[in-house]
Every structure is written in structure tokens, then in C-alpha cells.
Amino acid sequence: MSIDRKLIIIEDDEKFAATLKRSFERRGYEVVHARGLDEALTALTTFAPRYAVVDLKLAGESGLACVRALAGRDPSMLIVVLTGFASIATAVEAIKLGASHYLAKPSNTDDIEAAFLKREGDIDAEIGVRATSIKSLEWERIHQTLVEADFNISETARRLGMHRRTLARKLEKRRIS
């Protein structure tokens, strides 16, 4: 199989990862699945992917660490970050760390493959006309602080000056699956 069709999926949700893996395999990709950074680094000792799909929020760790490790290992790797917790703060950090695209869940194989193929920015991208709401600003601040605290909810709550349970409830309300 050509090096151009090798993909690593870093995702802790087994069912979603299995579905994504099967879908990409049907499209001719050779796919390896890792549940986190350690498994991904182990897989990379024998597997050299051209593409990567990384979940932003992995069990016990940030997908941003995976993005940094993958991009550090191969700067030409095309990395797409998937998340159910999309925010401007995490999107910016993902791109700065080496991701080529950032997609909010639900995203399917077509969306991900299109992101791999789209290497250039789009100057004709639609610019929103709505002003940012207070709720959106709060959400962005929460996500920025989550990133800064390495997704530690207790530390994020402390930095924001709110009770941990309050923060957990806010995160549950805004979950995108």
C-alpha cells in the first residue's frame, strides 16, 4: 500500500474509532487505531502515516499533546482534529501545534477526507455578521482556560473562580456529540 494512504486514528471512543476505521479502510486507506498518545507513539515506531485524525479530548489527556507529537515527528503529516467541544481557543492551539484542520463533531469520513485534501485557506470563507453573544464569550473563555489547564476541570474551575460542579454542568450542557 502506498504511503499516501496510511492513516492513524487517535480516539478513545472505541465504537466511533471502529466505525471511522472501517469507513477509511473501504476507501483504500491502511489504518491504525490508538487510544492515546502512548499507543500512538508505539504505533509510529512501525507505521509511518501520511494522515492523522485526533480526538481533542481523550481519556485522561489532551489530544493537543498528540497533535504536537505527530507534527514534531513528521511536519508534513496532515492532521485533522475532531472534537465535540469545539472552541476558537482550542482550534487556534491545534493549528499552532501542527494540525491542518479542526472539525466539530459530528463529522463523517467525507468531511475528514475533504479536510485532508484542502491544503490552502479559503479567502472566500463566509464571515459571520452576528456579534458574539455573552454566552459565546463565556464558552470561549471556559475553553481557553481548559486548554491552559490541560483539560483539568478542577484547575479550570479554580482559575475561573467557579465551583467545579457548576463548570461540569456547563460543559455537559454544551457537549456536541
N, C-alpha and C. Protein backbone atom coordinates (compact mmCIF):
# COMPACT_ATOMS: atom_id res chain seq x y z
N MET A 1 0.84 -1.19 0.00
CA MET A 1 0.00 0.00 0.00
C MET A 1 0.88 1.24 0.00
N SER A 2 0.49 2.24 -0.70
CA SER A 2 1.24 3.48 -0.82
C SER A 2 1.26 4.25 0.50
N ILE A 3 2.36 4.95 0.73
CA ILE A 3 2.50 5.75 1.95
C ILE A 3 1.43 6.83 2.01
N ASP A 4 0.92 7.25 0.84
CA ASP A 4 -0.08 8.31 0.78
C ASP A 4 -1.44 7.88 1.33
N ARG A 5 -1.65 6.61 1.59
CA ARG A 5 -2.94 6.14 2.07
C ARG A 5 -2.85 5.54 3.47
N LYS A 6 -1.87 5.97 4.26
CA LYS A 6 -1.74 5.47 5.64
C LYS A 6 -2.30 6.50 6.60
N LEU A 7 -3.09 6.03 7.54
CA LEU A 7 -3.81 6.90 8.47
C LEU A 7 -3.74 6.35 9.89
N ILE A 8 -3.51 7.23 10.85
CA ILE A 8 -3.62 6.85 12.25
C ILE A 8 -4.80 7.61 12.85
N ILE A 9 -5.63 6.88 13.58
CA ILE A 9 -6.77 7.47 14.28
C ILE A 9 -6.47 7.41 15.76
N ILE A 10 -6.46 8.56 16.42
CA ILE A 10 -6.23 8.62 17.86
C ILE A 10 -7.55 9.04 18.49
N GLU A 11 -8.24 8.07 19.05
CA GLU A 11 -9.62 8.25 19.55
C GLU A 11 -9.87 7.26 20.68
N ASP A 12 -10.40 7.72 21.80
CA ASP A 12 -10.66 6.84 22.94
C ASP A 12 -12.05 6.21 22.90
N ASP A 13 -12.93 6.69 22.05
CA ASP A 13 -14.26 6.09 21.90
C ASP A 13 -14.15 4.92 20.92
N GLU A 14 -14.17 3.71 21.46
CA GLU A 14 -13.93 2.51 20.66
C GLU A 14 -14.90 2.35 19.50
N LYS A 15 -16.19 2.59 19.74
CA LYS A 15 -17.18 2.40 18.69
C LYS A 15 -16.99 3.41 17.55
N PHE A 16 -16.79 4.66 17.92
CA PHE A 16 -16.58 5.68 16.91
C PHE A 16 -15.31 5.39 16.11
N ALA A 17 -14.24 5.01 16.81
CA ALA A 17 -12.97 4.70 16.15
C ALA A 17 -13.12 3.52 15.19
N ALA A 18 -13.84 2.49 15.62
CA ALA A 18 -14.03 1.31 14.76
C ALA A 18 -14.82 1.67 13.51
N THR A 19 -15.84 2.50 13.67
CA THR A 19 -16.65 2.94 12.52
C THR A 19 -15.81 3.75 11.55
N LEU A 20 -15.05 4.69 12.09
CA LEU A 20 -14.19 5.53 11.26
C LEU A 20 -13.12 4.69 10.56
N LYS A 21 -12.55 3.75 11.27
CA LYS A 21 -11.52 2.87 10.71
C LYS A 21 -12.07 2.08 9.53
N ARG A 22 -13.22 1.44 9.73
CA ARG A 22 -13.85 0.66 8.65
C ARG A 22 -14.14 1.53 7.43
N SER A 23 -14.65 2.72 7.68
CA SER A 23 -15.01 3.62 6.59
C SER A 23 -13.77 4.02 5.78
N PHE A 24 -12.68 4.34 6.46
CA PHE A 24 -11.46 4.70 5.74
C PHE A 24 -10.84 3.50 5.04
N GLU A 25 -10.92 2.32 5.64
CA GLU A 25 -10.39 1.12 5.00
C GLU A 25 -11.14 0.82 3.71
N ARG A 26 -12.46 1.05 3.70
CA ARG A 26 -13.24 0.86 2.48
C ARG A 26 -12.80 1.82 1.37
N ARG A 27 -12.22 2.94 1.76
CA ARG A 27 -11.74 3.93 0.79
C ARG A 27 -10.29 3.68 0.38
N GLY A 28 -9.72 2.58 0.86
CA GLY A 28 -8.37 2.22 0.45
C GLY A 28 -7.25 2.67 1.35
N TYR A 29 -7.57 3.12 2.55
CA TYR A 29 -6.54 3.53 3.50
C TYR A 29 -6.08 2.34 4.33
N GLU A 30 -4.82 2.36 4.72
CA GLU A 30 -4.31 1.43 5.72
C GLU A 30 -4.41 2.19 7.04
N VAL A 31 -5.16 1.65 7.99
CA VAL A 31 -5.50 2.41 9.20
C VAL A 31 -5.01 1.71 10.46
N VAL A 32 -4.45 2.51 11.36
CA VAL A 32 -4.06 2.04 12.69
C VAL A 32 -4.84 2.89 13.69
N HIS A 33 -5.34 2.25 14.74
CA HIS A 33 -6.08 2.95 15.78
C HIS A 33 -5.27 2.96 17.07
N ALA A 34 -5.20 4.12 17.72
CA ALA A 34 -4.55 4.26 19.02
C ALA A 34 -5.53 4.97 19.95
N ARG A 35 -5.52 4.59 21.21
CA ARG A 35 -6.45 5.18 22.19
C ARG A 35 -5.90 6.43 22.87
N GLY A 36 -4.61 6.69 22.69
CA GLY A 36 -4.00 7.85 23.31
C GLY A 36 -2.58 8.05 22.80
N LEU A 37 -1.88 9.00 23.41
CA LEU A 37 -0.54 9.37 22.97
C LEU A 37 0.45 8.22 23.06
N ASP A 38 0.46 7.50 24.18
CA ASP A 38 1.42 6.39 24.32
C ASP A 38 1.23 5.33 23.25
N GLU A 39 -0.01 4.94 23.01
CA GLU A 39 -0.29 3.94 21.96
C GLU A 39 0.09 4.47 20.59
N ALA A 40 -0.15 5.74 20.35
CA ALA A 40 0.18 6.34 19.06
C ALA A 40 1.69 6.33 18.84
N LEU A 41 2.45 6.72 19.86
CA LEU A 41 3.90 6.74 19.73
C LEU A 41 4.46 5.33 19.51
N THR A 42 3.87 4.34 20.16
CA THR A 42 4.28 2.96 19.95
C THR A 42 3.98 2.54 18.51
N ALA A 43 2.79 2.89 18.02
CA ALA A 43 2.41 2.53 16.65
C ALA A 43 3.33 3.19 15.62
N LEU A 44 3.78 4.41 15.91
CA LEU A 44 4.61 5.14 14.97
C LEU A 44 6.02 4.56 14.82
N THR A 45 6.40 3.65 15.70
CA THR A 45 7.71 3.01 15.55
C THR A 45 7.73 2.07 14.35
N THR A 46 6.56 1.56 13.95
CA THR A 46 6.50 0.63 12.82
C THR A 46 5.55 1.09 11.71
N PHE A 47 4.88 2.20 11.91
CA PHE A 47 3.87 2.68 10.96
C PHE A 47 4.12 4.15 10.69
N ALA A 48 4.24 4.53 9.42
CA ALA A 48 4.51 5.92 9.05
C ALA A 48 3.32 6.50 8.28
N PRO A 49 2.34 7.04 9.01
CA PRO A 49 1.14 7.56 8.33
C PRO A 49 1.37 8.91 7.68
N ARG A 50 0.62 9.16 6.65
CA ARG A 50 0.60 10.47 5.99
C ARG A 50 -0.50 11.34 6.58
N TYR A 51 -1.52 10.67 7.16
CA TYR A 51 -2.69 11.36 7.70
C TYR A 51 -2.93 10.95 9.14
N ALA A 52 -3.57 11.84 9.89
CA ALA A 52 -3.95 11.54 11.27
C ALA A 52 -5.28 12.20 11.59
N VAL A 53 -6.09 11.49 12.35
CA VAL A 53 -7.33 12.03 12.90
C VAL A 53 -7.16 11.93 14.41
N VAL A 54 -7.27 13.05 15.10
CA VAL A 54 -7.03 13.10 16.54
C VAL A 54 -8.25 13.68 17.24
N ASP A 55 -8.76 12.95 18.23
CA ASP A 55 -9.83 13.47 19.07
C ASP A 55 -9.21 14.48 20.03
N LEU A 56 -9.85 15.62 20.22
CA LEU A 56 -9.31 16.66 21.09
C LEU A 56 -9.30 16.23 22.55
N LYS A 57 -10.36 15.58 23.00
CA LYS A 57 -10.47 15.22 24.40
C LYS A 57 -10.41 13.71 24.54
N LEU A 58 -9.24 13.24 24.92
CA LEU A 58 -9.02 11.81 25.13
C LEU A 58 -9.13 11.52 26.63
N ALA A 59 -9.39 10.28 26.98
CA ALA A 59 -9.50 9.91 28.39
C ALA A 59 -8.19 10.23 29.11
N GLY A 60 -8.25 11.18 30.01
CA GLY A 60 -7.09 11.50 30.83
C GLY A 60 -6.02 12.34 30.19
N GLU A 61 -6.18 12.73 28.92
CA GLU A 61 -5.16 13.56 28.29
C GLU A 61 -5.77 14.41 27.18
N SER A 62 -5.01 15.38 26.75
CA SER A 62 -5.45 16.27 25.69
C SER A 62 -4.96 15.77 24.35
N GLY A 63 -5.82 15.82 23.36
CA GLY A 63 -5.42 15.48 22.00
C GLY A 63 -4.40 16.46 21.45
N LEU A 64 -4.31 17.65 22.06
CA LEU A 64 -3.33 18.64 21.61
C LEU A 64 -1.90 18.12 21.79
N ALA A 65 -1.68 17.32 22.84
CA ALA A 65 -0.36 16.71 23.04
C ALA A 65 -0.05 15.74 21.90
N CYS A 66 -1.06 15.05 21.43
CA CYS A 66 -0.89 14.13 20.29
C CYS A 66 -0.57 14.90 19.03
N VAL A 67 -1.26 16.02 18.82
CA VAL A 67 -1.01 16.85 17.64
C VAL A 67 0.44 17.31 17.65
N ARG A 68 0.90 17.80 18.79
CA ARG A 68 2.28 18.29 18.89
C ARG A 68 3.28 17.17 18.60
N ALA A 69 3.04 15.98 19.17
CA ALA A 69 3.95 14.85 18.96
C ALA A 69 3.95 14.40 17.50
N LEU A 70 2.78 14.31 16.88
CA LEU A 70 2.70 13.89 15.48
C LEU A 70 3.38 14.89 14.56
N ALA A 71 3.09 16.17 14.75
CA ALA A 71 3.68 17.21 13.91
C ALA A 71 5.18 17.30 14.14
N GLY A 72 5.62 17.07 15.36
CA GLY A 72 7.05 17.08 15.65
C GLY A 72 7.78 15.93 14.98
N ARG A 73 7.10 14.82 14.87
CA ARG A 73 7.68 13.63 14.24
C ARG A 73 7.72 13.76 12.73
N ASP A 74 6.65 14.33 12.15
CA ASP A 74 6.57 14.50 10.69
C ASP A 74 5.78 15.77 10.39
N PRO A 75 6.47 16.89 10.18
CA PRO A 75 5.78 18.16 9.94
C PRO A 75 4.88 18.17 8.70
N SER A 76 5.09 17.24 7.77
CA SER A 76 4.25 17.21 6.56
C SER A 76 2.98 16.38 6.75
N MET A 77 2.84 15.71 7.91
CA MET A 77 1.64 14.91 8.17
C MET A 77 0.41 15.81 8.21
N LEU A 78 -0.65 15.38 7.57
CA LEU A 78 -1.90 16.13 7.58
C LEU A 78 -2.75 15.64 8.74
N ILE A 79 -2.95 16.51 9.72
CA ILE A 79 -3.62 16.16 10.96
C ILE A 79 -4.95 16.90 11.05
N VAL A 80 -6.01 16.14 11.26
CA VAL A 80 -7.34 16.73 11.47
C VAL A 80 -7.74 16.45 12.90
N VAL A 81 -8.09 17.50 13.62
CA VAL A 81 -8.56 17.37 15.00
C VAL A 81 -10.08 17.33 14.96
N LEU A 82 -10.65 16.33 15.63
CA LEU A 82 -12.10 16.20 15.77
C LEU A 82 -12.47 16.49 17.21
N THR A 83 -13.56 17.20 17.42
CA THR A 83 -13.95 17.46 18.80
C THR A 83 -15.45 17.68 18.95
N GLY A 84 -15.94 17.24 20.07
CA GLY A 84 -17.30 17.54 20.46
C GLY A 84 -17.33 18.76 21.36
N PHE A 85 -16.17 19.36 21.60
CA PHE A 85 -16.03 20.53 22.47
C PHE A 85 -15.35 21.66 21.71
N ALA A 86 -15.88 22.00 20.55
CA ALA A 86 -15.26 22.99 19.69
C ALA A 86 -15.24 24.38 20.32
N SER A 87 -14.10 25.04 20.17
CA SER A 87 -13.99 26.43 20.59
C SER A 87 -12.90 27.09 19.77
N ILE A 88 -12.93 28.40 19.71
CA ILE A 88 -11.91 29.13 18.98
C ILE A 88 -10.55 28.91 19.63
N ALA A 89 -10.51 28.92 20.96
CA ALA A 89 -9.23 28.76 21.67
C ALA A 89 -8.55 27.43 21.33
N THR A 90 -9.31 26.34 21.36
CA THR A 90 -8.68 25.04 21.05
C THR A 90 -8.38 24.91 19.57
N ALA A 91 -9.18 25.53 18.72
CA ALA A 91 -8.90 25.49 17.28
C ALA A 91 -7.58 26.20 16.99
N VAL A 92 -7.40 27.37 17.58
CA VAL A 92 -6.16 28.12 17.38
C VAL A 92 -4.96 27.32 17.89
N GLU A 93 -5.09 26.75 19.08
CA GLU A 93 -3.97 25.97 19.63
C GLU A 93 -3.66 24.75 18.77
N ALA A 94 -4.68 24.07 18.29
CA ALA A 94 -4.47 22.89 17.44
C ALA A 94 -3.70 23.26 16.18
N ILE A 95 -4.08 24.35 15.54
CA ILE A 95 -3.41 24.78 14.32
C ILE A 95 -1.98 25.22 14.63
N LYS A 96 -1.79 25.95 15.71
CA LYS A 96 -0.43 26.37 16.09
C LYS A 96 0.47 25.18 16.39
N LEU A 97 -0.11 24.10 16.90
CA LEU A 97 0.69 22.92 17.25
C LEU A 97 0.94 22.01 16.05
N GLY A 98 0.28 22.26 14.92
CA GLY A 98 0.58 21.48 13.73
C GLY A 98 -0.59 20.83 13.02
N ALA A 99 -1.81 20.99 13.54
CA ALA A 99 -2.97 20.42 12.85
C ALA A 99 -3.22 21.19 11.56
N SER A 100 -3.70 20.49 10.55
CA SER A 100 -4.02 21.18 9.30
C SER A 100 -5.49 21.62 9.28
N HIS A 101 -6.34 20.91 10.05
CA HIS A 101 -7.76 21.26 10.12
C HIS A 101 -8.32 20.89 11.48
N TYR A 102 -9.47 21.49 11.78
CA TYR A 102 -10.16 21.31 13.06
C TYR A 102 -11.63 21.20 12.74
N LEU A 103 -12.23 20.05 13.06
CA LEU A 103 -13.64 19.82 12.73
C LEU A 103 -14.44 19.51 13.98
N ALA A 104 -15.62 20.09 14.07
CA ALA A 104 -16.53 19.80 15.18
C ALA A 104 -17.31 18.53 14.85
N LYS A 105 -17.52 17.70 15.87
CA LYS A 105 -18.37 16.52 15.71
C LYS A 105 -19.81 17.01 15.69
N PRO A 106 -20.69 16.39 15.01
CA PRO A 106 -20.47 15.17 14.25
C PRO A 106 -19.84 15.46 12.90
N SER A 107 -18.80 14.74 12.58
CA SER A 107 -18.15 14.81 11.27
C SER A 107 -18.04 13.40 10.75
N ASN A 108 -18.15 13.25 9.46
CA ASN A 108 -18.06 11.91 8.89
C ASN A 108 -16.80 11.77 8.05
N THR A 109 -16.63 10.62 7.45
CA THR A 109 -15.44 10.33 6.65
C THR A 109 -15.31 11.31 5.49
N ASP A 110 -16.42 11.68 4.86
CA ASP A 110 -16.36 12.65 3.76
C ASP A 110 -15.79 13.98 4.24
N ASP A 111 -16.25 14.45 5.40
CA ASP A 111 -15.77 15.72 5.95
C ASP A 111 -14.27 15.66 6.23
N ILE A 112 -13.84 14.55 6.82
CA ILE A 112 -12.43 14.40 7.19
C ILE A 112 -11.56 14.30 5.95
N GLU A 113 -11.98 13.51 4.99
CA GLU A 113 -11.20 13.36 3.77
C GLU A 113 -11.13 14.70 3.01
N ALA A 114 -12.21 15.44 2.99
CA ALA A 114 -12.21 16.77 2.35
C ALA A 114 -11.21 17.69 3.06
N ALA A 115 -11.14 17.59 4.39
CA ALA A 115 -10.19 18.40 5.15
C ALA A 115 -8.75 18.01 4.79
N PHE A 116 -8.49 16.72 4.59
CA PHE A 116 -7.15 16.28 4.18
C PHE A 116 -6.77 16.86 2.83
N LEU A 117 -7.74 16.92 1.92
CA LEU A 117 -7.46 17.36 0.56
C LEU A 117 -7.36 18.88 0.44
N LYS A 118 -7.95 19.59 1.40
CA LYS A 118 -7.95 21.06 1.33
C LYS A 118 -6.74 21.59 2.09
N ARG A 119 -5.71 21.91 1.37
CA ARG A 119 -4.45 22.34 2.00
C ARG A 119 -4.33 23.85 2.10
N GLU A 120 -5.05 24.57 1.29
CA GLU A 120 -4.96 26.02 1.27
C GLU A 120 -6.15 26.63 2.03
N GLY A 121 -5.95 27.82 2.55
CA GLY A 121 -7.04 28.54 3.18
C GLY A 121 -8.00 29.06 2.12
N ASP A 122 -9.19 29.43 2.54
CA ASP A 122 -10.22 29.91 1.62
C ASP A 122 -10.51 31.37 1.90
N ILE A 123 -10.04 32.25 1.01
CA ILE A 123 -10.27 33.69 1.22
C ILE A 123 -11.73 34.07 1.05
N ASP A 124 -12.51 33.17 0.47
CA ASP A 124 -13.93 33.44 0.28
C ASP A 124 -14.81 32.83 1.38
N ALA A 125 -14.17 32.38 2.47
CA ALA A 125 -14.93 31.81 3.57
C ALA A 125 -15.92 32.85 4.09
N GLU A 126 -17.11 32.38 4.42
CA GLU A 126 -18.15 33.28 4.89
C GLU A 126 -17.79 33.88 6.24
N ILE A 127 -17.93 35.18 6.33
CA ILE A 127 -17.66 35.88 7.59
C ILE A 127 -19.00 36.16 8.24
N GLY A 128 -19.13 35.71 9.50
CA GLY A 128 -20.39 35.88 10.21
C GLY A 128 -20.72 37.35 10.43
N VAL A 129 -22.01 37.65 10.43
CA VAL A 129 -22.43 39.03 10.62
C VAL A 129 -23.00 39.26 12.03
N ARG A 130 -23.17 38.16 12.77
CA ARG A 130 -23.71 38.30 14.13
C ARG A 130 -22.60 38.66 15.10
N ALA A 131 -22.91 39.55 16.01
CA ALA A 131 -21.96 39.88 17.07
C ALA A 131 -21.89 38.70 18.05
N THR A 132 -20.77 38.55 18.69
CA THR A 132 -20.59 37.47 19.64
C THR A 132 -21.44 37.72 20.87
N SER A 133 -22.17 36.70 21.30
CA SER A 133 -23.04 36.83 22.47
C SER A 133 -22.23 36.64 23.75
N ILE A 134 -22.81 37.05 24.86
CA ILE A 134 -22.18 36.88 26.17
C ILE A 134 -21.96 35.39 26.44
N LYS A 135 -22.94 34.56 26.09
CA LYS A 135 -22.80 33.11 26.30
C LYS A 135 -21.64 32.55 25.48
N SER A 136 -21.49 33.02 24.25
CA SER A 136 -20.37 32.57 23.42
C SER A 136 -19.04 33.01 24.00
N LEU A 137 -18.99 34.23 24.48
CA LEU A 137 -17.76 34.73 25.10
C LEU A 137 -17.40 33.91 26.34
N GLU A 138 -18.42 33.59 27.15
CA GLU A 138 -18.19 32.76 28.33
C GLU A 138 -17.66 31.39 27.92
N TRP A 139 -18.29 30.81 26.91
CA TRP A 139 -17.89 29.49 26.42
C TRP A 139 -16.45 29.51 25.92
N GLU A 140 -16.09 30.55 25.18
CA GLU A 140 -14.71 30.68 24.68
C GLU A 140 -13.72 30.81 25.83
N ARG A 141 -14.08 31.58 26.84
CA ARG A 141 -13.19 31.75 27.99
C ARG A 141 -13.03 30.44 28.74
N ILE A 142 -14.10 29.69 28.89
CA ILE A 142 -14.03 28.39 29.56
C ILE A 142 -13.09 27.48 28.78
N HIS A 143 -13.24 27.43 27.47
CA HIS A 143 -12.39 26.55 26.67
C HIS A 143 -10.94 26.99 26.66
N GLN A 144 -10.71 28.27 26.62
CA GLN A 144 -9.34 28.77 26.66
C GLN A 144 -8.69 28.36 27.98
N THR A 145 -9.41 28.49 29.06
CA THR A 145 -8.88 28.11 30.36
C THR A 145 -8.71 26.60 30.47
N LEU A 146 -9.63 25.83 29.89
CA LEU A 146 -9.47 24.36 29.85
C LEU A 146 -8.17 23.97 29.16
N VAL A 147 -7.87 24.60 28.05
CA VAL A 147 -6.63 24.31 27.32
C VAL A 147 -5.43 24.67 28.19
N GLU A 148 -5.48 25.85 28.79
CA GLU A 148 -4.36 26.29 29.63
C GLU A 148 -4.15 25.37 30.82
N ALA A 149 -5.22 24.73 31.32
CA ALA A 149 -5.14 23.83 32.47
C ALA A 149 -5.03 22.37 32.04
N ASP A 150 -4.69 22.12 30.77
CA ASP A 150 -4.56 20.76 30.25
C ASP A 150 -5.81 19.92 30.49
N PHE A 151 -6.97 20.53 30.33
CA PHE A 151 -8.28 19.88 30.44
C PHE A 151 -8.56 19.34 31.85
N ASN A 152 -7.91 19.90 32.85
CA ASN A 152 -8.16 19.55 34.24
C ASN A 152 -9.34 20.41 34.71
N ILE A 153 -10.48 19.77 34.95
CA ILE A 153 -11.70 20.52 35.28
C ILE A 153 -11.57 21.24 36.62
N SER A 154 -11.00 20.59 37.61
CA SER A 154 -10.86 21.24 38.92
C SER A 154 -9.98 22.48 38.83
N GLU A 155 -8.86 22.37 38.14
CA GLU A 155 -7.97 23.52 37.98
C GLU A 155 -8.63 24.62 37.15
N THR A 156 -9.36 24.24 36.13
CA THR A 156 -10.06 25.23 35.30
C THR A 156 -11.08 25.98 36.14
N ALA A 157 -11.85 25.25 36.94
CA ALA A 157 -12.85 25.89 37.81
C ALA A 157 -12.18 26.87 38.78
N ARG A 158 -11.05 26.45 39.35
CA ARG A 158 -10.32 27.33 40.28
C ARG A 158 -9.89 28.60 39.56
N ARG A 159 -9.32 28.46 38.36
CA ARG A 159 -8.84 29.63 37.61
C ARG A 159 -9.99 30.56 37.20
N LEU A 160 -11.16 29.98 36.96
CA LEU A 160 -12.32 30.79 36.56
C LEU A 160 -13.08 31.35 37.75
N GLY A 161 -12.74 30.87 38.95
CA GLY A 161 -13.43 31.34 40.14
C GLY A 161 -14.85 30.81 40.26
N MET A 162 -15.06 29.58 39.79
CA MET A 162 -16.39 28.99 39.90
C MET A 162 -16.28 27.61 40.54
N HIS A 163 -17.40 27.12 41.04
CA HIS A 163 -17.43 25.80 41.66
C HIS A 163 -17.23 24.75 40.58
N ARG A 164 -16.54 23.69 40.92
CA ARG A 164 -16.25 22.61 39.97
C ARG A 164 -17.53 22.01 39.38
N ARG A 165 -18.55 21.82 40.22
CA ARG A 165 -19.81 21.24 39.73
C ARG A 165 -20.50 22.17 38.73
N THR A 166 -20.41 23.47 38.98
CA THR A 166 -21.00 24.45 38.06
C THR A 166 -20.33 24.34 36.70
N LEU A 167 -19.01 24.27 36.71
CA LEU A 167 -18.28 24.12 35.46
C LEU A 167 -18.64 22.80 34.77
N ALA A 168 -18.71 21.72 35.52
CA ALA A 168 -19.05 20.42 34.94
C ALA A 168 -20.44 20.47 34.29
N ARG A 169 -21.40 21.14 34.93
CA ARG A 169 -22.74 21.27 34.36
C ARG A 169 -22.71 22.08 33.07
N LYS A 170 -21.95 23.17 33.07
CA LYS A 170 -21.85 23.98 31.85
C LYS A 170 -21.24 23.16 30.71
N LEU A 171 -20.23 22.36 31.01
CA LEU A 171 -19.59 21.54 29.97
C LEU A 171 -20.56 20.48 29.46
N GLU A 172 -21.35 19.89 30.33
CA GLU A 172 -22.32 18.88 29.91
C GLU A 172 -23.41 19.49 29.02
N LYS A 173 -23.86 20.70 29.34
CA LYS A 173 -24.90 21.36 28.55
C LYS A 173 -24.45 21.64 27.13
N ARG A 174 -23.19 21.97 26.95
CA ARG A 174 -22.69 22.39 25.64
C ARG A 174 -22.06 21.26 24.85
N ARG A 175 -22.08 20.06 25.37
CA ARG A 175 -21.44 18.93 24.68
C ARG A 175 -22.06 18.73 23.33
N ILE A 176 -21.20 18.55 22.33
CA ILE A 176 -21.64 18.26 20.95
C ILE A 176 -21.16 16.86 20.66
N SER A 177 -22.05 15.94 20.37
CA SER A 177 -21.63 14.56 20.11
C SER A 177 -21.93 14.14 18.71
